[in-house]
């Protein structure tokens, strides 16, 4: 099936699309008679949902005060702005939380070059976000990205053009943390992995990582780059506890599971919602239903 074309809808401000994906913004210091002040900001939203992959485009501004940012998590609690002229940096990123701007990352000082096409690429791999300017790594940051429409935000007096927009999806990964063995292999292969596939995630478990290097670095990288973590905390396994703690520190959506036969959880984990399951044929439909509800909440969050 052919992928549907990307369409753009101006939400507010002086921004337009010519129908072929080229966006144009132009704002002056003139007062708008309808609101009694200049309109120097704009938002344009696409029909393309995005949470993992890459966004590539070229942008040109004609004034040092003009800004152009891709918006991730647009319409959600913590939208992330990445692009040209953020805060004191020509290339930077930040979050808008409760109408307050929060600087996250940036490089350089002053303004991006004017009247020149600048190639920008933003790669999102789980919560690892890398910004490239003219094919050079500008900065990296870590934020939880949820499915949301790709949008552009422009601001400041001046003009801005965006062209050659290419949005490429990657299948989001879910990292599964558990002790290895027949009992846990069964619930992973028969319940967890099929459900993750149903929700569009690629399931990854530590024993499925085949790379040269330190195992702990591979695990930490997988935790950083995944979109969601599922952890079975039934046995007192220090490796599992380490990985759950790191996932919580990264702010990853984390689903805890535990065999009902275990009994009391460790104190530090007892306050978290946990799926208690019965590891039997009778218990399989219930754990599937409960895990599905947890994944639905994460996808819709």
Protein backbone atom coordinates (compact mmCIF):
# COMPACT_ATOMS: atom_id res chain seq x y z
CA UNK A 1 0.00 0.00 0.00
CA UNK A 2 1.41 3.41 -1.01
CA UNK A 3 2.08 5.82 1.82
CA UNK A 4 -0.35 8.72 1.93
CA UNK A 5 1.09 12.16 1.05
CA UNK A 6 2.02 14.61 3.79
CA UNK A 7 -0.50 17.45 4.05
CA UNK A 8 -0.04 20.68 6.03
CA UNK A 9 -2.60 22.72 7.96
CA UNK A 10 -1.73 26.26 9.15
CA UNK A 11 -2.93 26.47 12.77
CA UNK A 12 -2.18 30.16 13.32
CA UNK A 13 0.10 32.94 12.11
CA UNK A 14 1.48 33.97 8.71
CA UNK A 15 2.56 30.57 7.38
CA UNK A 16 1.41 28.78 4.22
CA UNK A 17 2.09 25.61 2.27
CA UNK A 18 2.16 25.57 -1.51
CA UNK A 19 0.77 22.05 -1.64
CA UNK A 20 4.09 20.40 -2.56
CA UNK A 21 5.47 20.51 0.97
CA UNK A 22 7.21 23.88 0.76
CA UNK A 23 6.39 26.08 3.75
CA UNK A 24 6.61 29.88 3.75
CA UNK A 25 6.52 32.22 6.74
CA UNK A 26 6.67 36.02 6.69
CA UNK A 27 6.01 38.33 9.63
CA UNK A 28 6.35 42.10 9.90
CA UNK A 29 6.25 44.53 12.79
CA UNK A 30 2.93 45.94 11.52
CA UNK A 31 0.04 45.82 13.95
CA UNK A 32 -2.76 43.44 13.01
CA UNK A 33 -6.06 45.32 13.24
CA UNK A 34 -7.91 42.26 14.55
CA UNK A 35 -5.75 41.70 17.64
CA UNK A 36 -4.06 45.08 18.07
CA UNK A 37 -0.50 43.76 17.90
CA UNK A 38 1.91 42.22 15.38
CA UNK A 39 1.56 38.54 14.54
CA UNK A 40 5.12 37.23 14.74
CA UNK A 41 4.62 33.53 15.39
CA UNK A 42 3.08 30.66 13.45
CA UNK A 43 2.38 26.96 13.74
CA UNK A 44 1.72 24.58 10.87
CA UNK A 45 0.79 20.94 11.48
CA UNK A 46 1.06 17.89 9.24
CA UNK A 47 -1.03 14.75 9.02
CA UNK A 48 2.10 12.65 9.64
CA UNK A 49 2.32 11.01 13.06
CA UNK A 50 5.88 10.54 14.27
CA UNK A 51 7.77 9.23 17.29
CA UNK A 52 10.82 7.45 15.87
CA UNK A 53 12.87 7.88 12.70
CA UNK A 54 14.20 11.00 10.99
CA UNK A 55 12.95 14.38 9.79
CA UNK A 56 15.03 16.06 7.09
CA UNK A 57 14.52 19.46 5.52
CA UNK A 58 16.25 22.61 4.27
CA UNK A 59 15.53 26.00 5.77
CA UNK A 60 16.42 29.58 4.88
CA UNK A 61 15.83 32.69 7.01
CA UNK A 62 16.27 36.31 5.97
CA UNK A 63 16.70 37.90 9.40
CA UNK A 64 18.75 37.04 12.48
CA UNK A 65 15.63 37.28 14.65
CA UNK A 66 13.71 34.62 12.70
CA UNK A 67 13.37 31.14 14.19
CA UNK A 68 12.28 27.84 12.68
CA UNK A 69 11.76 24.71 14.77
CA UNK A 70 10.38 21.24 14.25
CA UNK A 71 7.92 20.42 17.04
CA UNK A 72 7.88 16.89 18.47
CA UNK A 73 5.18 15.89 20.98
CA UNK A 74 3.06 18.70 19.54
CA UNK A 75 -0.23 18.96 21.41
CA UNK A 76 1.09 16.92 24.34
CA UNK A 77 2.18 17.89 27.83
CA UNK A 78 5.85 18.42 26.94
CA UNK A 79 6.36 19.56 23.32
CA UNK A 80 9.99 19.63 22.15
CA UNK A 81 11.24 22.34 19.77
CA UNK A 82 14.38 21.67 17.69
CA UNK A 83 15.88 23.81 14.95
CA UNK A 84 17.29 27.17 13.95
CA UNK A 85 17.83 29.99 16.48
CA UNK A 86 16.75 28.67 19.85
CA UNK A 87 17.60 30.87 22.82
CA UNK A 88 21.22 32.05 22.57
CA UNK A 89 22.17 29.35 20.06
CA UNK A 90 21.99 29.32 16.26
CA UNK A 91 21.13 25.60 16.55
CA UNK A 92 19.31 24.44 19.65
CA UNK A 93 16.38 22.75 21.33
CA UNK A 94 14.00 23.31 24.20
CA UNK A 95 10.69 22.34 25.76
CA UNK A 96 7.59 24.42 26.39
CA UNK A 97 6.06 23.46 29.74
CA UNK A 98 3.18 25.43 31.31
CA UNK A 99 3.97 28.37 28.98
CA UNK A 100 7.59 28.46 30.18
CA UNK A 101 10.51 27.77 27.86
CA UNK A 102 13.12 25.27 29.07
CA UNK A 103 16.50 25.19 27.28
CA UNK A 104 17.63 21.61 26.57
CA UNK A 105 20.61 21.70 24.23
CA UNK A 106 22.38 23.94 21.76
CA UNK A 107 25.59 24.81 20.00
CA UNK A 108 27.19 28.07 18.89
CA UNK A 109 26.37 31.64 19.80
CA UNK A 110 24.33 34.27 17.98
CA UNK A 111 22.22 33.60 14.89
CA UNK A 112 22.22 31.06 12.13
CA UNK A 113 23.45 32.37 8.79
CA UNK A 114 20.84 34.33 6.86
CA UNK A 115 19.91 34.04 3.15
CA UNK A 116 21.44 30.57 2.93
CA UNK A 117 19.80 27.17 2.65
CA UNK A 118 20.73 25.14 5.74
CA UNK A 119 20.26 21.38 5.73
CA UNK A 120 18.75 20.03 8.98
CA UNK A 121 18.17 16.45 10.07
CA UNK A 122 16.62 15.32 13.35
CA UNK A 123 16.98 11.64 14.19
CA UNK A 124 14.86 10.12 16.96
CA UNK A 125 15.79 6.69 18.26
CA UNK A 126 13.73 5.97 21.36
CA UNK A 127 14.52 8.90 23.66
CA UNK A 128 17.87 9.63 21.98
CA UNK A 129 17.54 12.67 19.71
CA UNK A 130 20.40 13.79 17.47
CA UNK A 131 20.41 17.03 15.50
CA UNK A 132 22.52 17.33 12.34
CA UNK A 133 23.30 20.60 10.57
CA UNK A 134 24.69 20.24 7.05
CA UNK A 135 25.42 16.55 7.87
CA UNK A 136 27.46 17.45 10.98
CA UNK A 137 26.30 16.40 14.47
CA UNK A 138 25.27 19.58 16.28
CA UNK A 139 23.99 18.15 19.59
CA UNK A 140 22.24 15.26 21.28
CA UNK A 141 19.56 15.20 23.94
CA UNK A 142 17.31 12.68 25.63
CA UNK A 143 13.54 13.11 25.82
CA UNK A 144 10.56 10.77 25.80
CA UNK A 145 8.85 11.18 22.41
CA UNK A 146 5.26 10.05 21.93
CA UNK A 147 3.32 9.73 18.66
CA UNK A 148 2.23 13.21 17.55
CA UNK A 149 1.86 15.16 14.28
CA UNK A 150 5.08 16.57 12.84
CA UNK A 151 4.73 20.35 13.08
CA UNK A 152 6.81 23.45 12.40
CA UNK A 153 6.88 26.56 14.57
CA UNK A 154 8.20 29.86 13.18
CA UNK A 155 8.75 33.01 15.19
CA UNK A 156 10.17 36.54 14.89
CA UNK A 157 10.06 39.38 12.43
CA UNK A 158 11.31 38.28 9.02
CA UNK A 159 10.80 35.50 6.51
CA UNK A 160 11.51 31.80 6.54
CA UNK A 161 11.20 29.08 3.92
CA UNK A 162 11.30 25.32 4.41
CA UNK A 163 11.67 22.88 1.53
CA UNK A 164 12.50 19.25 0.72
CA UNK A 165 10.83 17.87 3.84
CA UNK A 166 11.32 14.11 4.19
CA UNK A 167 9.85 12.22 7.16
CA UNK A 168 11.05 8.63 7.60
CA UNK A 169 9.65 6.27 10.22
CA UNK A 170 11.50 3.66 12.21
CA UNK A 171 9.67 0.95 14.08
CA UNK A 172 9.79 1.95 17.75
CA UNK A 173 11.56 -0.53 20.03
CA UNK A 174 10.39 -1.98 23.33
CA UNK A 175 13.13 -3.29 25.62
CA UNK A 176 12.13 -6.33 27.68
CA UNK A 177 13.99 -6.83 30.96
CA UNK A 178 13.77 -10.24 32.64
CA UNK A 179 15.72 -13.19 33.91
CA UNK A 180 16.46 -15.80 31.26
CA UNK A 181 15.13 -19.35 31.49
CA UNK A 182 12.32 -21.56 30.23
CA UNK A 183 9.64 -20.04 32.45
CA UNK A 184 10.38 -16.46 31.39
CA UNK A 185 11.13 -17.39 27.78
CA UNK A 186 7.60 -18.76 27.57
CA UNK A 187 5.83 -15.60 28.74
CA UNK A 188 8.14 -13.49 26.55
CA UNK A 189 7.51 -15.48 23.36
CA UNK A 190 3.84 -16.30 23.91
CA UNK A 191 2.54 -13.08 25.49
CA UNK A 192 4.89 -10.10 25.58
CA UNK A 193 6.48 -10.22 22.12
CA UNK A 194 3.21 -10.83 20.17
CA UNK A 195 1.44 -8.02 22.03
CA UNK A 196 4.27 -5.58 21.39
CA UNK A 197 4.16 -6.46 17.70
CA UNK A 198 0.40 -5.85 17.72
CA UNK A 199 1.05 -2.31 18.99
CA UNK A 200 3.75 -1.68 16.37
CA UNK A 201 6.78 -2.15 18.63
CA UNK A 202 9.85 -4.24 17.89
CA UNK A 203 10.56 -6.34 20.97
CA UNK A 204 14.22 -6.51 22.05
CA UNK A 205 15.65 -8.58 24.89
CA UNK A 206 19.26 -8.47 26.12
CA UNK A 207 20.04 -11.98 24.86
CA UNK A 208 18.93 -10.90 21.36
CA UNK A 209 21.58 -8.15 21.13
CA UNK A 210 24.50 -9.42 19.07
CA UNK A 211 27.20 -6.77 19.10
CA UNK A 212 30.90 -6.60 19.93
CA UNK A 213 31.61 -4.69 23.12
CA UNK A 214 30.59 -4.46 26.75
CA UNK A 215 27.23 -6.05 27.47
CA UNK A 216 26.29 -3.32 29.95
CA UNK A 217 26.90 -0.64 27.29
CA UNK A 218 24.65 -2.51 24.87
CA UNK A 219 21.93 -2.71 27.53
CA UNK A 220 22.23 0.96 28.47
CA UNK A 221 22.11 1.94 24.80
CA UNK A 222 19.01 -0.20 24.25
CA UNK A 223 17.32 1.42 27.25
CA UNK A 224 18.12 4.90 25.92
CA UNK A 225 16.92 4.09 22.43
CA UNK A 226 13.71 2.24 23.25
CA UNK A 227 10.26 3.78 23.49
CA UNK A 228 8.93 1.60 26.31
CA UNK A 229 10.33 -0.87 28.86
CA UNK A 230 8.65 -4.04 30.12
CA UNK A 231 10.31 -5.65 33.14
CA UNK A 232 9.54 -8.93 34.88
CA UNK A 233 10.68 -8.46 38.49
CA UNK A 234 9.62 -11.87 39.82
CA UNK A 235 13.05 -13.11 41.02
CA UNK A 236 15.44 -10.92 43.01
CA UNK A 237 17.77 -10.36 40.09
CA UNK A 238 20.22 -7.44 40.58
CA UNK A 239 20.68 -7.01 36.81
CA UNK A 240 16.93 -6.59 36.33
CA UNK A 241 16.75 -4.10 39.22
CA UNK A 242 19.63 -2.08 37.74
CA UNK A 243 17.92 -1.90 34.36
CA UNK A 244 14.55 -0.93 35.90
CA UNK A 245 16.27 1.81 37.91
CA UNK A 246 18.02 3.14 34.81
CA UNK A 247 14.74 3.10 32.87
CA UNK A 248 13.05 5.11 35.63
CA UNK A 249 15.97 7.57 35.68
CA UNK A 250 15.55 8.08 31.92
CA UNK A 251 11.84 8.73 32.40
CA UNK A 252 10.90 5.75 30.21
CA UNK A 253 7.33 4.45 30.28
CA UNK A 254 7.93 1.24 32.24
CA UNK A 255 5.53 -1.67 32.77
CA UNK A 256 6.38 -3.98 35.68
CA UNK A 257 5.25 -7.62 35.72
CA UNK A 258 5.52 -10.20 38.49
CA UNK A 259 4.40 -13.78 39.11
CA UNK A 260 1.66 -13.71 41.72
CA UNK A 261 3.40 -16.55 43.56
CA UNK A 262 6.33 -14.33 44.48
CA UNK A 263 4.68 -12.46 47.35
CA UNK A 264 5.88 -9.08 48.61
CA UNK A 265 7.91 -6.83 46.28
CA UNK A 266 11.03 -4.93 47.38
CA UNK A 267 10.15 -1.69 49.16
CA UNK A 268 11.45 0.63 46.42
CA UNK A 269 9.25 -1.07 43.82
CA UNK A 270 6.18 -1.74 45.93
CA UNK A 271 4.71 1.69 45.14
CA UNK A 272 4.69 1.14 41.37
CA UNK A 273 1.73 -0.36 39.55
CA UNK A 274 2.60 -3.94 38.69
CA UNK A 275 0.90 -6.58 36.57
CA UNK A 276 0.63 -9.68 38.75
CA UNK A 277 0.11 -12.77 36.65
CA UNK A 278 -0.47 -16.48 37.10
CA UNK A 279 2.01 -18.45 35.02
CA UNK A 280 -0.44 -21.03 33.72
CA UNK A 281 -2.63 -21.69 30.72
CA UNK A 282 -5.57 -20.27 32.66
CA UNK A 283 -3.63 -17.14 33.57
CA UNK A 284 -2.45 -16.30 30.06
CA UNK A 285 -5.65 -14.53 28.79
CA UNK A 286 -5.75 -12.30 31.89
CA UNK A 287 -2.14 -11.16 31.65
CA UNK A 288 -2.63 -10.49 27.91
CA UNK A 289 -5.68 -8.35 28.63
CA UNK A 290 -3.96 -6.39 31.42
CA UNK A 291 -0.77 -5.83 29.45
CA UNK A 292 -2.82 -4.66 26.45
CA UNK A 293 -4.54 -2.03 28.63
CA UNK A 294 -1.18 -0.75 29.89
CA UNK A 295 0.17 -0.46 26.34
CA UNK A 296 -2.97 1.34 25.20
CA UNK A 297 -2.44 3.95 27.92
CA UNK A 298 1.16 4.49 26.85
CA UNK A 299 0.29 4.83 23.17
CA UNK A 300 -2.49 7.31 23.91
CA UNK A 301 -0.63 9.27 26.62
